[in-house]
Amino acid sequence: MPHVLVLNASYEPLGVVPLRRALVLVLENKAQCLEESGAFMHSATRTIPAPSVVRLKRFVRVPYRGPVPLTRRALFARDGGRCMYCGGVATSVDHVIPKSRGGQHAWENVVASCRRCNHVKADRHLLELGWRLRHKPAPPSGLAWRIIGTGHRDPRWLPYLQPFGADDVMARIDGISA
């Protein structure tokens, strides 16, 4: 089922919801459709254009949001789908300081890696191999990461996510697809 970007009344991205939930928000007059997906939803008596982006009519106060969750999908988006050791296509996750040697499972210690580099590195430190990272791993920031990290994306969302750091995220993800 397609997904829809939900914006706060202030145009701040809140999240991604299934199409059905977005239609309910629009039909109950709690949200307005800003972008249509081009598809139509049919009932017994009417036809409604399916939304791609909706904006809530009332402002919703969002409690403090902690750091972006460390997921495989978000990690690959952060690293552009490339191995942080050789630059090849990443297929696995690697801990820079191995967990067996006290490394943590945190943004600063986890990178995307190709199978070959991950196998060669095994549970050794980079200094033992004489390797270097292409970029220093760091946690992603910005609201766009919360939306794009879900794996659902639509080109119609980009204008609404650009003020929140989406250009960098989308460029990295498009680098994966190319």
C-alpha atoms as a PDB file:
ATOM      1  CA  MET A   1       0.000   0.000   0.000  1.00  0.00           C
ATOM      2  CA  PRO A   2       1.363   3.480  -0.828  1.00  0.00           C
ATOM      3  CA  HIS A   3       2.448   5.795   1.950  1.00  0.00           C
ATOM      4  CA  VAL A   4       1.796   9.495   2.511  1.00  0.00           C
ATOM      5  CA  LEU A   5       3.971  12.197   4.077  1.00  0.00           C
ATOM      6  CA  VAL A   6       2.223  13.977   6.968  1.00  0.00           C
ATOM      7  CA  LEU A   7       3.208  17.569   7.752  1.00  0.00           C
ATOM      8  CA  ASN A   8       2.351  19.588  10.831  1.00  0.00           C
ATOM      9  CA  ALA A   9       0.366  22.809  10.421  1.00  0.00           C
ATOM     10  CA  SER A  10       3.765  24.556  10.342  1.00  0.00           C
ATOM     11  CA  TYR A  11       4.885  22.358   7.397  1.00  0.00           C
ATOM     12  CA  GLU A  12       7.291  20.450   9.648  1.00  0.00           C
ATOM     13  CA  PRO A  13       7.451  16.765   8.638  1.00  0.00           C
ATOM     14  CA  LEU A  14       5.858  14.531  11.264  1.00  0.00           C
ATOM     15  CA  GLY A  15       5.981  11.101   9.696  1.00  0.00           C
ATOM     16  CA  VAL A  16       4.797   8.699   7.054  1.00  0.00           C
ATOM     17  CA  VAL A  17       1.410   6.983   7.256  1.00  0.00           C
ATOM     18  CA  PRO A  18      -0.401   4.468   5.061  1.00  0.00           C
ATOM     19  CA  LEU A  19      -2.656   5.900   2.344  1.00  0.00           C
ATOM     20  CA  ARG A  20      -5.783   4.725   4.147  1.00  0.00           C
ATOM     21  CA  ARG A  21      -4.898   6.685   7.312  1.00  0.00           C
ATOM     22  CA  ALA A  22      -4.167   9.818   5.263  1.00  0.00           C
ATOM     23  CA  LEU A  23      -7.535   9.515   3.490  1.00  0.00           C
ATOM     24  CA  VAL A  24      -9.306   9.296   6.845  1.00  0.00           C
ATOM     25  CA  LEU A  25      -7.528  12.481   8.000  1.00  0.00           C
ATOM     26  CA  VAL A  26      -8.607  14.301   4.822  1.00  0.00           C
ATOM     27  CA  LEU A  27     -12.187  13.016   4.901  1.00  0.00           C
ATOM     28  CA  GLU A  28     -12.596  13.966   8.577  1.00  0.00           C
ATOM     29  CA  ASN A  29     -11.348  17.463   7.691  1.00  0.00           C
ATOM     30  CA  LYS A  30      -8.330  17.123  10.007  1.00  0.00           C
ATOM     31  CA  ALA A  31      -5.846  17.503   7.155  1.00  0.00           C
ATOM     32  CA  GLN A  32      -5.698  18.992   3.709  1.00  0.00           C
ATOM     33  CA  CYS A  33      -4.140  17.385   0.677  1.00  0.00           C
ATOM     34  CA  LEU A  34      -1.134  19.342  -0.636  1.00  0.00           C
ATOM     35  CA  GLU A  35       0.034  16.884  -3.299  1.00  0.00           C
ATOM     36  CA  GLU A  36      -1.876  14.157  -5.090  1.00  0.00           C
ATOM     37  CA  SER A  37      -0.311  10.865  -6.111  1.00  0.00           C
ATOM     38  CA  GLY A  38      -2.184  10.625  -9.406  1.00  0.00           C
ATOM     39  CA  ALA A  39      -4.186   7.578  -8.295  1.00  0.00           C
ATOM     40  CA  PHE A  40      -7.843   7.629  -7.304  1.00  0.00           C
ATOM     41  CA  MET A  41      -9.720   5.942  -4.491  1.00  0.00           C
ATOM     42  CA  HIS A  42     -13.256   4.831  -5.282  1.00  0.00           C
ATOM     43  CA  SER A  43     -16.223   4.344  -2.988  1.00  0.00           C
ATOM     44  CA  ALA A  44     -19.786   3.465  -3.889  1.00  0.00           C
ATOM     45  CA  THR A  45     -20.740   7.106  -4.391  1.00  0.00           C
ATOM     46  CA  ARG A  46     -17.580   9.106  -5.051  1.00  0.00           C
ATOM     47  CA  THR A  47     -14.045   9.140  -6.374  1.00  0.00           C
ATOM     48  CA  ILE A  48     -11.289  10.822  -4.361  1.00  0.00           C
ATOM     49  CA  PRO A  49      -7.757  11.600  -5.555  1.00  0.00           C
ATOM     50  CA  ALA A  50      -5.207   9.739  -3.427  1.00  0.00           C
ATOM     51  CA  PRO A  51      -2.901  12.123  -1.531  1.00  0.00           C
ATOM     52  CA  SER A  52       0.886  11.964  -1.506  1.00  0.00           C
ATOM     53  CA  VAL A  53       1.428  14.814   1.006  1.00  0.00           C
ATOM     54  CA  VAL A  54      -1.070  16.038   3.610  1.00  0.00           C
ATOM     55  CA  ARG A  55      -0.846  18.903   6.110  1.00  0.00           C
ATOM     56  CA  LEU A  56      -2.658  18.825   9.431  1.00  0.00           C
ATOM     57  CA  LYS A  57      -5.028  21.750   9.974  1.00  0.00           C
ATOM     58  CA  ARG A  58      -4.170  22.072  13.668  1.00  0.00           C
ATOM     59  CA  PHE A  59      -0.664  22.290  15.064  1.00  0.00           C
ATOM     60  CA  VAL A  60       0.420  19.157  16.910  1.00  0.00           C
ATOM     61  CA  ARG A  61       3.043  19.629  19.609  1.00  0.00           C
ATOM     62  CA  VAL A  62       5.729  17.000  19.165  1.00  0.00           C
ATOM     63  CA  PRO A  63       7.586  15.927  22.285  1.00  0.00           C
ATOM     64  CA  TYR A  64      11.388  15.902  22.282  1.00  0.00           C
ATOM     65  CA  ARG A  65      12.689  13.526  19.676  1.00  0.00           C
ATOM     66  CA  GLY A  66      15.807  11.660  20.663  1.00  0.00           C
ATOM     67  CA  PRO A  67      18.544  10.662  18.262  1.00  0.00           C
ATOM     68  CA  VAL A  68      17.743   9.008  14.945  1.00  0.00           C
ATOM     69  CA  PRO A  69      17.339   5.251  15.528  1.00  0.00           C
ATOM     70  CA  LEU A  70      20.229   3.140  14.243  1.00  0.00           C
ATOM     71  CA  THR A  71      18.705   0.868  11.616  1.00  0.00           C
ATOM     72  CA  ARG A  72      20.302  -0.943   8.715  1.00  0.00           C
ATOM     73  CA  ARG A  73      18.320   1.118   6.202  1.00  0.00           C
ATOM     74  CA  ALA A  74      19.293   4.424   7.831  1.00  0.00           C
ATOM     75  CA  LEU A  75      22.944   3.322   8.076  1.00  0.00           C
ATOM     76  CA  PHE A  76      23.084   2.502   4.357  1.00  0.00           C
ATOM     77  CA  ALA A  77      21.452   5.863   3.586  1.00  0.00           C
ATOM     78  CA  ARG A  78      24.008   7.700   5.741  1.00  0.00           C
ATOM     79  CA  ASP A  79      26.937   5.949   4.025  1.00  0.00           C
ATOM     80  CA  GLY A  80      25.443   6.262   0.542  1.00  0.00           C
ATOM     81  CA  GLY A  81      25.300   2.488   0.079  1.00  0.00           C
ATOM     82  CA  ARG A  82      29.089   2.390  -0.292  1.00  0.00           C
ATOM     83  CA  CYS A  83      31.710   0.495   1.689  1.00  0.00           C
ATOM     84  CA  MET A  84      33.461   2.903   4.042  1.00  0.00           C
ATOM     85  CA  TYR A  85      36.749   1.031   3.533  1.00  0.00           C
ATOM     86  CA  CYS A  86      37.076   0.488  -0.239  1.00  0.00           C
ATOM     87  CA  GLY A  87      34.154   2.430  -1.758  1.00  0.00           C
ATOM     88  CA  GLY A  88      32.515  -0.651  -3.287  1.00  0.00           C
ATOM     89  CA  VAL A  89      28.838  -1.537  -3.008  1.00  0.00           C
ATOM     90  CA  ALA A  90      27.992  -2.145   0.657  1.00  0.00           C
ATOM     91  CA  THR A  91      26.168  -5.328   1.570  1.00  0.00           C
ATOM     92  CA  SER A  92      26.826  -5.645   5.309  1.00  0.00           C
ATOM     93  CA  VAL A  93      27.246  -3.731   8.536  1.00  0.00           C
ATOM     94  CA  ASP A  94      30.611  -3.552  10.310  1.00  0.00           C
ATOM     95  CA  HIS A  95      31.714  -2.293  13.711  1.00  0.00           C
ATOM     96  CA  VAL A  96      34.844  -0.127  13.386  1.00  0.00           C
ATOM     97  CA  ILE A  97      35.958  -1.179  16.866  1.00  0.00           C
ATOM     98  CA  PRO A  98      34.745  -4.785  17.018  1.00  0.00           C
ATOM     99  CA  LYS A  99      32.139  -5.621  19.630  1.00  0.00           C
ATOM    100  CA  SER A 100      34.412  -8.458  20.780  1.00  0.00           C
ATOM    101  CA  ARG A 101      36.964  -5.767  21.731  1.00  0.00           C
ATOM    102  CA  GLY A 102      34.549  -3.479  23.544  1.00  0.00           C
ATOM    103  CA  GLY A 103      33.089  -1.522  20.624  1.00  0.00           C
ATOM    104  CA  GLN A 104      29.555  -0.223  20.988  1.00  0.00           C
ATOM    105  CA  HIS A 105      26.651  -0.603  18.580  1.00  0.00           C
ATOM    106  CA  ALA A 106      26.348   3.155  18.001  1.00  0.00           C
ATOM    107  CA  TRP A 107      26.336   5.547  15.034  1.00  0.00           C
ATOM    108  CA  GLU A 108      29.962   6.539  15.734  1.00  0.00           C
ATOM    109  CA  ASN A 109      31.168   2.912  15.566  1.00  0.00           C
ATOM    110  CA  VAL A 110      29.025   1.327  12.827  1.00  0.00           C
ATOM    111  CA  VAL A 111      29.628   1.635   9.077  1.00  0.00           C
ATOM    112  CA  ALA A 112      28.385   0.065   5.856  1.00  0.00           C
ATOM    113  CA  SER A 113      30.844  -2.422   4.393  1.00  0.00           C
ATOM    114  CA  CYS A 114      31.212  -4.732   1.413  1.00  0.00           C
ATOM    115  CA  ARG A 115      31.325  -8.451   2.135  1.00  0.00           C
ATOM    116  CA  ARG A 116      35.017  -8.750   1.214  1.00  0.00           C
ATOM    117  CA  CYS A 117      36.203  -5.934   3.504  1.00  0.00           C
ATOM    118  CA  ASN A 118      34.012  -7.145   6.351  1.00  0.00           C
ATOM    119  CA  HIS A 119      35.457 -10.666   6.008  1.00  0.00           C
ATOM    120  CA  VAL A 120      39.079  -9.465   5.802  1.00  0.00           C
ATOM    121  CA  LYS A 121      38.704  -7.054   8.726  1.00  0.00           C
ATOM    122  CA  ALA A 122      36.952  -9.641  10.894  1.00  0.00           C
ATOM    123  CA  ASP A 123      37.490  -8.669  14.567  1.00  0.00           C
ATOM    124  CA  ARG A 124      40.610  -6.562  14.104  1.00  0.00           C
ATOM    125  CA  HIS A 125      41.241  -2.852  14.555  1.00  0.00           C
ATOM    126  CA  LEU A 126      41.857  -0.651  11.517  1.00  0.00           C
ATOM    127  CA  LEU A 127      45.399   0.097  12.739  1.00  0.00           C
ATOM    128  CA  GLU A 128      46.270  -3.614  12.653  1.00  0.00           C
ATOM    129  CA  LEU A 129      45.366  -3.703   8.947  1.00  0.00           C
ATOM    130  CA  GLY A 130      46.644  -0.245   8.052  1.00  0.00           C
ATOM    131  CA  TRP A 131      43.184   0.739   6.784  1.00  0.00           C
ATOM    132  CA  ARG A 132      41.463   4.118   6.980  1.00  0.00           C
ATOM    133  CA  LEU A 133      37.821   5.106   6.847  1.00  0.00           C
ATOM    134  CA  ARG A 134      36.683   7.207   3.897  1.00  0.00           C
ATOM    135  CA  HIS A 135      34.569   9.367   6.273  1.00  0.00           C
ATOM    136  CA  LYS A 136      34.315   9.552  10.023  1.00  0.00           C
ATOM    137  CA  PRO A 137      31.051   7.912  11.101  1.00  0.00           C
ATOM    138  CA  ALA A 138      28.633  10.231  12.895  1.00  0.00           C
ATOM    139  CA  PRO A 139      24.942  10.155  13.743  1.00  0.00           C
ATOM    140  CA  PRO A 140      22.689  11.748  11.111  1.00  0.00           C
ATOM    141  CA  SER A 141      20.803  14.888  12.034  1.00  0.00           C
ATOM    142  CA  GLY A 142      17.666  16.582  10.777  1.00  0.00           C
ATOM    143  CA  LEU A 143      14.015  15.662  10.497  1.00  0.00           C
ATOM    144  CA  ALA A 144      14.462  14.373   6.952  1.00  0.00           C
ATOM    145  CA  TRP A 145      16.376  11.357   8.305  1.00  0.00           C
ATOM    146  CA  ARG A 146      13.356  10.248  10.285  1.00  0.00           C
ATOM    147  CA  ILE A 147      11.200  10.279   7.158  1.00  0.00           C
ATOM    148  CA  ILE A 148      13.637   8.839   4.640  1.00  0.00           C
ATOM    149  CA  GLY A 149      14.958   6.279   7.113  1.00  0.00           C
ATOM    150  CA  THR A 150      11.554   4.573   6.994  1.00  0.00           C
ATOM    151  CA  GLY A 151      12.352   3.432   3.460  1.00  0.00           C
ATOM    152  CA  HIS A 152       9.271   5.074   1.988  1.00  0.00           C
ATOM    153  CA  ARG A 153       9.989   7.932  -0.347  1.00  0.00           C
ATOM    154  CA  ASP A 154       8.281   9.782  -3.117  1.00  0.00           C
ATOM    155  CA  PRO A 155       9.803  12.508  -5.333  1.00  0.00           C
ATOM    156  CA  ARG A 156       6.792  14.718  -4.539  1.00  0.00           C
ATOM    157  CA  TRP A 157       7.965  14.843  -0.906  1.00  0.00           C
ATOM    158  CA  LEU A 158      11.296  16.506  -1.688  1.00  0.00           C
ATOM    159  CA  PRO A 159      10.115  20.165  -1.693  1.00  0.00           C
ATOM    160  CA  TYR A 160       8.624  19.647   1.783  1.00  0.00           C
ATOM    161  CA  LEU A 161      11.730  17.894   3.159  1.00  0.00           C
ATOM    162  CA  GLN A 162      14.415  20.178   1.646  1.00  0.00           C
ATOM    163  CA  PRO A 163      14.338  22.739   4.496  1.00  0.00           C
ATOM    164  CA  PHE A 164      15.030  19.862   6.907  1.00  0.00           C
ATOM    165  CA  GLY A 165      18.176  18.443   5.257  1.00  0.00           C
ATOM    166  CA  ALA A 166      16.683  16.186   2.587  1.00  0.00           C
ATOM    167  CA  ASP A 167      19.021  17.239  -0.231  1.00  0.00           C
ATOM    168  CA  ASP A 168      22.011  15.504   1.346  1.00  0.00           C
ATOM    169  CA  VAL A 169      20.005  12.408   2.254  1.00  0.00           C
ATOM    170  CA  MET A 170      18.360  12.057  -1.169  1.00  0.00           C
ATOM    171  CA  ALA A 171      21.691  12.599  -2.961  1.00  0.00           C
ATOM    172  CA  ARG A 172      23.224   9.757  -0.960  1.00  0.00           C
ATOM    173  CA  ILE A 173      20.268   7.446  -1.605  1.00  0.00           C
ATOM    174  CA  ASP A 174      20.229   8.286  -5.318  1.00  0.00           C
ATOM    175  CA  GLY A 175      23.924   7.398  -5.345  1.00  0.00           C
ATOM    176  CA  ILE A 176      22.935   3.927  -4.111  1.00  0.00           C
ATOM    177  CA  SER A 177      20.409   3.409  -6.930  1.00  0.00           C
ATOM    178  CA  ALA A 178      22.748   4.603  -9.688  1.00  0.00           C
END
